[in-house]
């Protein structure tokens, strides 16, 4: 089972790698019309992304922003979740659940 706490406690480099992996898994989930992963991860994605972003260098922050833009362009997450992610990395805390 996926451990959200482990992700939140990881260092930024690992967080960025994990964000990239999330994109791949999420895209495959959508392509196969199996939303289990997206449903399970949606409650923590905004907080996890903000945590990785907050502790990152400017270069890593820009890469993470690009990942978030890819999520939006590919409609990986539902609009409220995507907006919460973007809001968190822009500094405005939004509670999803």
PDB file of N, CA and C in Angstrom:
ATOM      1  N   UNK A   1       0.840  -1.181   0.000  1.00  0.00           N
ATOM      2  CA  UNK A   1       0.000   0.000   0.000  1.00  0.00           C
ATOM      3  C   UNK A   1       0.879   1.236   0.000  1.00  0.00           C
ATOM      4  N   UNK A   2       0.463   2.261  -0.683  1.00  0.00           N
ATOM      5  CA  UNK A   2       1.181   3.530  -0.770  1.00  0.00           C
ATOM      6  C   UNK A   2       1.184   4.223   0.582  1.00  0.00           C
ATOM      7  N   UNK A   3       2.334   4.734   0.983  1.00  0.00           N
ATOM      8  CA  UNK A   3       2.451   5.442   2.252  1.00  0.00           C
ATOM      9  C   UNK A   3       2.597   6.934   1.991  1.00  0.00           C
ATOM     10  N   UNK A   4       1.529   7.685   2.193  1.00  0.00           N
ATOM     11  CA  UNK A   4       1.554   9.133   1.992  1.00  0.00           C
ATOM     12  C   UNK A   4       2.538   9.783   2.953  1.00  0.00           C
ATOM     13  N   UNK A   5       2.593   9.305   4.177  1.00  0.00           N
ATOM     14  CA  UNK A   5       3.498   9.892   5.172  1.00  0.00           C
ATOM     15  C   UNK A   5       4.950   9.734   4.733  1.00  0.00           C
ATOM     16  N   UNK A   6       5.285   8.583   4.197  1.00  0.00           N
ATOM     17  CA  UNK A   6       6.654   8.349   3.737  1.00  0.00           C
ATOM     18  C   UNK A   6       6.998   9.335   2.619  1.00  0.00           C
ATOM     19  N   UNK A   7       6.045   9.554   1.720  1.00  0.00           N
ATOM     20  CA  UNK A   7       6.264  10.515   0.641  1.00  0.00           C
ATOM     21  C   UNK A   7       6.457  11.912   1.202  1.00  0.00           C
ATOM     22  N   UNK A   8       5.620  12.305   2.141  1.00  0.00           N
ATOM     23  CA  UNK A   8       5.709  13.640   2.711  1.00  0.00           C
ATOM     24  C   UNK A   8       7.020  13.858   3.458  1.00  0.00           C
ATOM     25  N   UNK A   9       7.583  12.802   4.032  1.00  0.00           N
ATOM     26  CA  UNK A   9       8.819  12.912   4.804  1.00  0.00           C
ATOM     27  C   UNK A   9      10.083  12.746   3.954  1.00  0.00           C
ATOM     28  N   UNK A  10       9.938  12.434   2.688  1.00  0.00           N
ATOM     29  CA  UNK A  10      11.108  12.197   1.845  1.00  0.00           C
ATOM     30  C   UNK A  10      11.809  13.507   1.490  1.00  0.00           C
ATOM     31  N   UNK A  11      13.068  13.390   1.068  1.00  0.00           N
ATOM     32  CA  UNK A  11      13.758  14.619   0.678  1.00  0.00           C
ATOM     33  C   UNK A  11      13.237  15.080  -0.676  1.00  0.00           C
ATOM     34  N   UNK A  12      13.564  16.310  -1.033  1.00  0.00           N
ATOM     35  CA  UNK A  12      12.995  16.942  -2.213  1.00  0.00           C
ATOM     36  C   UNK A  12      13.343  16.197  -3.497  1.00  0.00           C
ATOM     37  N   UNK A  13      14.572  15.742  -3.629  1.00  0.00           N
ATOM     38  CA  UNK A  13      14.957  15.021  -4.838  1.00  0.00           C
ATOM     39  C   UNK A  13      14.117  13.786  -5.043  1.00  0.00           C
ATOM     40  N   UNK A  14      13.941  13.060  -3.982  1.00  0.00           N
ATOM     41  CA  UNK A  14      13.100  11.868  -4.053  1.00  0.00           C
ATOM     42  C   UNK A  14      11.654  12.286  -4.329  1.00  0.00           C
ATOM     43  N   UNK A  15      11.226  13.390  -3.725  1.00  0.00           N
ATOM     44  CA  UNK A  15       9.867  13.893  -3.958  1.00  0.00           C
ATOM     45  C   UNK A  15       9.633  14.229  -5.416  1.00  0.00           C
ATOM     46  N   UNK A  16      10.617  14.858  -6.040  1.00  0.00           N
ATOM     47  CA  UNK A  16      10.484  15.205  -7.453  1.00  0.00           C
ATOM     48  C   UNK A  16      10.454  13.959  -8.326  1.00  0.00           C
ATOM     49  N   UNK A  17      11.309  13.004  -8.015  1.00  0.00           N
ATOM     50  CA  UNK A  17      11.289  11.740  -8.751  1.00  0.00           C
ATOM     51  C   UNK A  17       9.949  11.035  -8.574  1.00  0.00           C
ATOM     52  N   UNK A  18       9.445  11.093  -7.359  1.00  0.00           N
ATOM     53  CA  UNK A  18       8.172  10.463  -7.093  1.00  0.00           C
ATOM     54  C   UNK A  18       7.044  11.170  -7.855  1.00  0.00           C
ATOM     55  N   UNK A  19       7.120  12.500  -7.941  1.00  0.00           N
ATOM     56  CA  UNK A  19       6.113  13.244  -8.700  1.00  0.00           C
ATOM     57  C   UNK A  19       6.112  12.804 -10.155  1.00  0.00           C
ATOM     58  N   UNK A  20       7.289  12.598 -10.716  1.00  0.00           N
ATOM     59  CA  UNK A  20       7.374  12.119 -12.093  1.00  0.00           C
ATOM     60  C   UNK A  20       6.782  10.717 -12.220  1.00  0.00           C
ATOM     61  N   UNK A  21       7.054   9.873 -11.241  1.00  0.00           N
ATOM     62  CA  UNK A  21       6.486   8.525 -11.255  1.00  0.00           C
ATOM     63  C   UNK A  21       4.969   8.578 -11.137  1.00  0.00           C
ATOM     64  N   UNK A  22       4.483   9.498 -10.309  1.00  0.00           N
ATOM     65  CA  UNK A  22       3.035   9.658 -10.146  1.00  0.00           C
ATOM     66  C   UNK A  22       2.395  10.015 -11.478  1.00  0.00           C
ATOM     67  N   UNK A  23       3.041  10.903 -12.237  1.00  0.00           N
ATOM     68  CA  UNK A  23       2.511  11.274 -13.551  1.00  0.00           C
ATOM     69  C   UNK A  23       2.364  10.028 -14.421  1.00  0.00           C
ATOM     70  N   UNK A  24       3.397   9.233 -14.462  1.00  0.00           N
ATOM     71  CA  UNK A  24       3.369   8.028 -15.313  1.00  0.00           C
ATOM     72  C   UNK A  24       2.284   7.054 -14.865  1.00  0.00           C
ATOM     73  N   UNK A  25       2.241   6.766 -13.578  1.00  0.00           N
ATOM     74  CA  UNK A  25       1.239   5.824 -13.069  1.00  0.00           C
ATOM     75  C   UNK A  25      -0.165   6.381 -13.272  1.00  0.00           C
ATOM     76  N   UNK A  26      -0.340   7.677 -13.007  1.00  0.00           N
ATOM     77  CA  UNK A  26      -1.654   8.284 -13.171  1.00  0.00           C
ATOM     78  C   UNK A  26      -2.105   8.237 -14.628  1.00  0.00           C
ATOM     79  N   UNK A  27      -1.193   8.529 -15.547  1.00  0.00           N
ATOM     80  CA  UNK A  27      -1.548   8.477 -16.964  1.00  0.00           C
ATOM     81  C   UNK A  27      -1.926   7.064 -17.385  1.00  0.00           C
ATOM     82  N   UNK A  28      -1.189   6.084 -16.915  1.00  0.00           N
ATOM     83  CA  UNK A  28      -1.513   4.700 -17.242  1.00  0.00           C
ATOM     84  C   UNK A  28      -2.854   4.294 -16.637  1.00  0.00           C
ATOM     85  N   UNK A  29      -3.120   4.772 -15.426  1.00  0.00           N
ATOM     86  CA  UNK A  29      -4.400   4.487 -14.775  1.00  0.00           C
ATOM     87  C   UNK A  29      -5.546   5.048 -15.602  1.00  0.00           C
ATOM     88  N   UNK A  30      -5.395   6.295 -16.043  1.00  0.00           N
ATOM     89  CA  UNK A  30      -6.439   6.917 -16.860  1.00  0.00           C
ATOM     90  C   UNK A  30      -6.605   6.193 -18.189  1.00  0.00           C
ATOM     91  N   UNK A  31      -5.484   5.854 -18.813  1.00  0.00           N
ATOM     92  CA  UNK A  31      -5.537   5.196 -20.119  1.00  0.00           C
ATOM     93  C   UNK A  31      -6.250   3.849 -20.031  1.00  0.00           C
ATOM     94  N   UNK A  32      -6.076   3.183 -18.914  1.00  0.00           N
ATOM     95  CA  UNK A  32      -6.699   1.864 -18.730  1.00  0.00           C
ATOM     96  C   UNK A  32      -8.059   1.945 -18.049  1.00  0.00           C
ATOM     97  N   UNK A  33      -8.485   3.169 -17.773  1.00  0.00           N
ATOM     98  CA  UNK A  33      -9.768   3.432 -17.115  1.00  0.00           C
ATOM     99  C   UNK A  33      -9.864   2.717 -15.762  1.00  0.00           C
ATOM    100  N   UNK A  34      -8.755   2.700 -15.057  1.00  0.00           N
ATOM    101  CA  UNK A  34      -8.709   2.122 -13.710  1.00  0.00           C
ATOM    102  C   UNK A  34      -8.257   3.235 -12.775  1.00  0.00           C
ATOM    103  N   UNK A  35      -9.195   3.817 -12.070  1.00  0.00           N
ATOM    104  CA  UNK A  35      -8.940   5.017 -11.286  1.00  0.00           C
ATOM    105  C   UNK A  35      -8.565   4.756  -9.832  1.00  0.00           C
ATOM    106  N   UNK A  36      -8.264   3.518  -9.462  1.00  0.00           N
ATOM    107  CA  UNK A  36      -7.949   3.203  -8.062  1.00  0.00           C
ATOM    108  C   UNK A  36      -6.812   4.058  -7.521  1.00  0.00           C
ATOM    109  N   UNK A  37      -5.733   4.170  -8.299  1.00  0.00           N
ATOM    110  CA  UNK A  37      -4.586   4.954  -7.854  1.00  0.00           C
ATOM    111  C   UNK A  37      -4.966   6.422  -7.675  1.00  0.00           C
ATOM    112  N   UNK A  38      -5.644   6.979  -8.658  1.00  0.00           N
ATOM    113  CA  UNK A  38      -6.015   8.395  -8.584  1.00  0.00           C
ATOM    114  C   UNK A  38      -6.925   8.669  -7.396  1.00  0.00           C
ATOM    115  N   UNK A  39      -7.858   7.787  -7.158  1.00  0.00           N
ATOM    116  CA  UNK A  39      -8.771   7.946  -6.019  1.00  0.00           C
ATOM    117  C   UNK A  39      -7.995   7.860  -4.708  1.00  0.00           C
ATOM    118  N   UNK A  40      -7.098   6.905  -4.612  1.00  0.00           N
ATOM    119  CA  UNK A  40      -6.334   6.721  -3.375  1.00  0.00           C
ATOM    120  C   UNK A  40      -5.366   7.874  -3.116  1.00  0.00           C
ATOM    121  N   UNK A  41      -4.768   8.419  -4.151  1.00  0.00           N
ATOM    122  CA  UNK A  41      -3.737   9.434  -3.974  1.00  0.00           C
ATOM    123  C   UNK A  41      -4.283  10.860  -3.918  1.00  0.00           C
ATOM    124  N   UNK A  42      -5.452  11.103  -4.459  1.00  0.00           N
ATOM    125  CA  UNK A  42      -6.016  12.452  -4.526  1.00  0.00           C
ATOM    126  C   UNK A  42      -6.039  13.202  -3.202  1.00  0.00           C
ATOM    127  N   UNK A  43      -6.378  12.564  -2.081  1.00  0.00           N
ATOM    128  CA  UNK A  43      -6.429  13.318  -0.824  1.00  0.00           C
ATOM    129  C   UNK A  43      -5.088  13.882  -0.355  1.00  0.00           C
ATOM    130  N   UNK A  44      -3.969  13.348  -0.818  1.00  0.00           N
ATOM    131  CA  UNK A  44      -2.679  13.810  -0.309  1.00  0.00           C
ATOM    132  C   UNK A  44      -1.794  14.477  -1.360  1.00  0.00           C
ATOM    133  N   UNK A  45      -2.213  14.491  -2.608  1.00  0.00           N
ATOM    134  CA  UNK A  45      -1.334  15.009  -3.659  1.00  0.00           C
ATOM    135  C   UNK A  45      -1.001  16.483  -3.464  1.00  0.00           C
ATOM    136  N   UNK A  46      -1.952  17.299  -3.062  1.00  0.00           N
ATOM    137  CA  UNK A  46      -1.671  18.733  -2.901  1.00  0.00           C
ATOM    138  C   UNK A  46      -0.645  18.966  -1.799  1.00  0.00           C
ATOM    139  N   UNK A  47      -0.824  18.317  -0.660  1.00  0.00           N
ATOM    140  CA  UNK A  47       0.105  18.478   0.457  1.00  0.00           C
ATOM    141  C   UNK A  47       1.482  17.917   0.111  1.00  0.00           C
ATOM    142  N   UNK A  48       1.519  16.767  -0.525  1.00  0.00           N
ATOM    143  CA  UNK A  48       2.792  16.149  -0.893  1.00  0.00           C
ATOM    144  C   UNK A  48       3.560  17.031  -1.879  1.00  0.00           C
ATOM    145  N   UNK A  49       2.860  17.574  -2.855  1.00  0.00           N
ATOM    146  CA  UNK A  49       3.500  18.440  -3.841  1.00  0.00           C
ATOM    147  C   UNK A  49       4.027  19.705  -3.179  1.00  0.00           C
ATOM    148  N   UNK A  50       3.224  20.313  -2.305  1.00  0.00           N
ATOM    149  CA  UNK A  50       3.649  21.528  -1.610  1.00  0.00           C
ATOM    150  C   UNK A  50       4.860  21.274  -0.728  1.00  0.00           C
ATOM    151  N   UNK A  51       4.898  20.123  -0.076  1.00  0.00           N
ATOM    152  CA  UNK A  51       6.029  19.781   0.783  1.00  0.00           C
ATOM    153  C   UNK A  51       7.306  19.638  -0.039  1.00  0.00           C
ATOM    154  N   UNK A  52       7.225  18.953  -1.156  1.00  0.00           N
ATOM    155  CA  UNK A  52       8.389  18.805  -2.028  1.00  0.00           C
ATOM    156  C   UNK A  52       8.825  20.162  -2.573  1.00  0.00           C
ATOM    157  N   UNK A  53       7.869  20.986  -2.943  1.00  0.00           N
ATOM    158  CA  UNK A  53       8.150  22.294  -3.528  1.00  0.00           C
ATOM    159  C   UNK A  53       8.800  23.233  -2.518  1.00  0.00           C
ATOM    160  N   UNK A  54       8.270  23.247  -1.309  1.00  0.00           N
ATOM    161  CA  UNK A  54       8.720  24.195  -0.282  1.00  0.00           C
ATOM    162  C   UNK A  54      10.203  24.052   0.037  1.00  0.00           C
ATOM    163  N   UNK A  55      10.698  22.844   0.112  1.00  0.00           N
ATOM    164  CA  UNK A  55      12.080  22.630   0.489  1.00  0.00           C
ATOM    165  C   UNK A  55      13.057  22.566  -0.677  1.00  0.00           C
ATOM    166  N   UNK A  56      12.589  22.836  -1.870  1.00  0.00           N
ATOM    167  CA  UNK A  56      13.411  22.645  -3.066  1.00  0.00           C
ATOM    168  C   UNK A  56      14.198  23.896  -3.445  1.00  0.00           C
ATOM    169  N   UNK A  57      15.245  23.666  -4.213  1.00  0.00           N
ATOM    170  CA  UNK A  57      15.982  24.777  -4.811  1.00  0.00           C
ATOM    171  C   UNK A  57      15.103  25.396  -5.894  1.00  0.00           C
ATOM    172  N   UNK A  58      15.485  26.589  -6.354  1.00  0.00           N
ATOM    173  CA  UNK A  58      14.725  27.253  -7.407  1.00  0.00           C
ATOM    174  C   UNK A  58      14.630  26.377  -8.657  1.00  0.00           C
ATOM    175  N   UNK A  59      15.721  25.718  -9.005  1.00  0.00           N
ATOM    176  CA  UNK A  59      15.733  24.853 -10.193  1.00  0.00           C
ATOM    177  C   UNK A  59      14.737  23.701 -10.051  1.00  0.00           C
ATOM    178  N   UNK A  60      14.736  23.057  -8.902  1.00  0.00           N
ATOM    179  CA  UNK A  60      13.815  21.949  -8.669  1.00  0.00           C
ATOM    180  C   UNK A  60      12.378  22.460  -8.605  1.00  0.00           C
ATOM    181  N   UNK A  61      12.166  23.630  -8.022  1.00  0.00           N
ATOM    182  CA  UNK A  61      10.820  24.209  -7.983  1.00  0.00           C
ATOM    183  C   UNK A  61      10.278  24.412  -9.395  1.00  0.00           C
ATOM    184  N   UNK A  62      11.119  24.907 -10.293  1.00  0.00           N
ATOM    185  CA  UNK A  62      10.679  25.117 -11.676  1.00  0.00           C
ATOM    186  C   UNK A  62      10.325  23.790 -12.346  1.00  0.00           C
ATOM    187  N   UNK A  63      11.108  22.771 -12.074  1.00  0.00           N
ATOM    188  CA  UNK A  63      10.810  21.446 -12.637  1.00  0.00           C
ATOM    189  C   UNK A  63       9.502  20.902 -12.068  1.00  0.00           C
ATOM    190  N   UNK A  64       9.305  21.100 -10.784  1.00  0.00           N
ATOM    191  CA  UNK A  64       8.077  20.629 -10.156  1.00  0.00           C
ATOM    192  C   UNK A  64       6.869  21.391 -10.697  1.00  0.00           C
ATOM    193  N   UNK A  65       7.021  22.689 -10.920  1.00  0.00           N
ATOM    194  CA  UNK A  65       5.938  23.467 -11.539  1.00  0.00           C
ATOM    195  C   UNK A  65       5.605  22.900 -12.916  1.00  0.00           C
ATOM    196  N   UNK A  66       6.622  22.507 -13.654  1.00  0.00           N
ATOM    197  CA  UNK A  66       6.393  21.932 -14.985  1.00  0.00           C
ATOM    198  C   UNK A  66       5.602  20.627 -14.875  1.00  0.00           C
ATOM    199  N   UNK A  67       5.928  19.815 -13.882  1.00  0.00           N
ATOM    200  CA  UNK A  67       5.179  18.577 -13.650  1.00  0.00           C
ATOM    201  C   UNK A  67       3.716  18.905 -13.380  1.00  0.00           C
ATOM    202  N   UNK A  68       3.465  19.914 -12.557  1.00  0.00           N
ATOM    203  CA  UNK A  68       2.092  20.312 -12.232  1.00  0.00           C
ATOM    204  C   UNK A  68       1.373  20.828 -13.479  1.00  0.00           C
ATOM    205  N   UNK A  69       2.087  21.549 -14.334  1.00  0.00           N
ATOM    206  CA  UNK A  69       1.499  22.004 -15.598  1.00  0.00           C
ATOM    207  C   UNK A  69       1.131  20.821 -16.490  1.00  0.00           C
ATOM    208  N   UNK A  70       1.976  19.802 -16.505  1.00  0.00           N
ATOM    209  CA  UNK A  70       1.688  18.593 -17.289  1.00  0.00           C
ATOM    210  C   UNK A  70       0.425  17.926 -16.741  1.00  0.00           C
ATOM    211  N   UNK A  71       0.308  17.856 -15.399  1.00  0.00           N
ATOM    212  CA  UNK A  71      -0.904  17.279 -14.806  1.00  0.00           C
ATOM    213  C   UNK A  71      -2.143  18.024 -15.289  1.00  0.00           C
ATOM    214  N   UNK A  72      -2.060  19.365 -15.322  1.00  0.00           N
ATOM    215  CA  UNK A  72      -3.211  20.152 -15.771  1.00  0.00           C
ATOM    216  C   UNK A  72      -3.500  19.884 -17.242  1.00  0.00           C
ATOM    217  N   UNK A  73      -2.471  19.975 -18.079  1.00  0.00           N
ATOM    218  CA  UNK A  73      -2.653  19.790 -19.520  1.00  0.00           C
ATOM    219  C   UNK A  73      -3.235  18.424 -19.856  1.00  0.00           C
ATOM    220  N   UNK A  74      -2.818  17.416 -19.124  1.00  0.00           N
ATOM    221  CA  UNK A  74      -3.283  16.050 -19.401  1.00  0.00           C
ATOM    222  C   UNK A  74      -4.491  15.656 -18.565  1.00  0.00           C
ATOM    223  N   UNK A  75      -4.979  16.602 -17.758  1.00  0.00           N
ATOM    224  CA  UNK A  75      -6.159  16.388 -16.920  1.00  0.00           C
ATOM    225  C   UNK A  75      -6.023  15.122 -16.076  1.00  0.00           C
ATOM    226  N   UNK A  76      -4.878  15.015 -15.407  1.00  0.00           N
ATOM    227  CA  UNK A  76      -4.593  13.846 -14.597  1.00  0.00           C
ATOM    228  C   UNK A  76      -5.526  13.790 -13.385  1.00  0.00           C
ATOM    229  N   UNK A  77      -5.696  14.918 -12.718  1.00  0.00           N
ATOM    230  CA  UNK A  77      -6.548  14.985 -11.534  1.00  0.00           C
ATOM    231  C   UNK A  77      -7.778  15.827 -11.827  1.00  0.00           C
ATOM    232  N   UNK A  78      -8.822  15.631 -11.051  1.00  0.00           N
ATOM    233  CA  UNK A  78     -10.020  16.440 -11.193  1.00  0.00           C
ATOM    234  C   UNK A  78      -9.674  17.899 -10.916  1.00  0.00           C
ATOM    235  N   UNK A  79     -10.455  18.811 -11.483  1.00  0.00           N
ATOM    236  CA  UNK A  79     -10.171  20.246 -11.392  1.00  0.00           C
ATOM    237  C   UNK A  79      -9.972  20.732  -9.953  1.00  0.00           C
ATOM    238  N   UNK A  80     -10.831  20.383  -8.983  1.00  0.00           N
ATOM    239  CA  UNK A  80     -10.599  20.889  -7.617  1.00  0.00           C
ATOM    240  C   UNK A  80      -9.262  20.428  -7.033  1.00  0.00           C
ATOM    241  N   UNK A  81      -8.846  19.226  -7.359  1.00  0.00           N
ATOM    242  CA  UNK A  81      -7.574  18.712  -6.855  1.00  0.00           C
ATOM    243  C   UNK A  81      -6.422  19.446  -7.533  1.00  0.00           C
ATOM    244  N   UNK A  82      -6.511  19.617  -8.833  1.00  0.00           N
ATOM    245  CA  UNK A  82      -5.476  20.362  -9.570  1.00  0.00           C
ATOM    246  C   UNK A  82      -5.354  21.785  -9.028  1.00  0.00           C
ATOM    247  N   UNK A  83      -6.475  22.431  -8.790  1.00  0.00           N
ATOM    248  CA  UNK A  83      -6.447  23.793  -8.263  1.00  0.00           C
ATOM    249  C   UNK A  83      -5.848  23.843  -6.861  1.00  0.00           C
ATOM    250  N   UNK A  84      -6.123  22.840  -6.051  1.00  0.00           N
ATOM    251  CA  UNK A  84      -5.540  22.785  -4.709  1.00  0.00           C
ATOM    252  C   UNK A  84      -4.029  22.615  -4.790  1.00  0.00           C
ATOM    253  N   UNK A  85      -3.568  21.800  -5.720  1.00  0.00           N
ATOM    254  CA  UNK A  85      -2.122  21.613  -5.908  1.00  0.00           C
ATOM    255  C   UNK A  85      -1.475  22.944  -6.272  1.00  0.00           C
ATOM    256  N   UNK A  86      -2.029  23.612  -7.266  1.00  0.00           N
ATOM    257  CA  UNK A  86      -1.465  24.874  -7.724  1.00  0.00           C
ATOM    258  C   UNK A  86      -1.536  25.944  -6.636  1.00  0.00           C
ATOM    259  N   UNK A  87      -2.623  25.956  -5.908  1.00  0.00           N
ATOM    260  CA  UNK A  87      -2.791  26.911  -4.821  1.00  0.00           C
ATOM    261  C   UNK A  87      -1.741  26.701  -3.743  1.00  0.00           C
ATOM    262  N   UNK A  88      -1.490  25.447  -3.421  1.00  0.00           N
ATOM    263  CA  UNK A  88      -0.497  25.139  -2.383  1.00  0.00           C
ATOM    264  C   UNK A  88       0.898  25.574  -2.796  1.00  0.00           C
ATOM    265  N   UNK A  89       1.291  25.308  -4.023  1.00  0.00           N
ATOM    266  CA  UNK A  89       2.645  25.692  -4.413  1.00  0.00           C
ATOM    267  C   UNK A  89       2.763  27.199  -4.631  1.00  0.00           C
ATOM    268  N   UNK A  90       1.645  27.874  -4.807  1.00  0.00           N
ATOM    269  CA  UNK A  90       1.660  29.332  -4.898  1.00  0.00           C
ATOM    270  C   UNK A  90       1.606  29.976  -3.519  1.00  0.00           C
ATOM    271  N   UNK A  91       1.509  29.161  -2.473  1.00  0.00           N
ATOM    272  CA  UNK A  91       1.569  29.686  -1.122  1.00  0.00           C
ATOM    273  C   UNK A  91       0.237  29.818  -0.416  1.00  0.00           C
ATOM    274  N   UNK A  92      -0.848  29.513  -1.083  1.00  0.00           N
ATOM    275  CA  UNK A  92      -2.153  29.589  -0.461  1.00  0.00           C
ATOM    276  C   UNK A  92      -2.589  28.193  -0.085  1.00  0.00           C
ATOM    277  N   UNK A  93      -2.763  27.936   1.189  1.00  0.00           N
ATOM    278  CA  UNK A  93      -3.139  26.610   1.674  1.00  0.00           C
ATOM    279  C   UNK A  93      -4.646  26.412   1.489  1.00  0.00           C
ATOM    280  N   UNK A  94      -4.987  25.324   0.826  1.00  0.00           N
ATOM    281  CA  UNK A  94      -6.381  24.960   0.611  1.00  0.00           C
ATOM    282  C   UNK A  94      -6.580  23.555   1.132  1.00  0.00           C
ATOM    283  N   UNK A  95      -7.594  23.342   1.923  1.00  0.00           N
ATOM    284  CA  UNK A  95      -7.899  22.000   2.436  1.00  0.00           C
ATOM    285  C   UNK A  95      -8.824  21.301   1.473  1.00  0.00           C
ATOM    286  N   UNK A  96      -8.444  20.093   1.076  1.00  0.00           N
ATOM    287  CA  UNK A  96      -9.263  19.289   0.175  1.00  0.00           C
ATOM    288  C   UNK A  96     -10.282  18.462   0.953  1.00  0.00           C
ATOM    289  N   UNK A  97      -9.801  17.782   1.967  1.00  0.00           N
ATOM    290  CA  UNK A  97     -10.649  16.816   2.662  1.00  0.00           C
ATOM    291  C   UNK A  97     -10.576  17.058   4.149  1.00  0.00           C
TER     292      UNK A  97
END
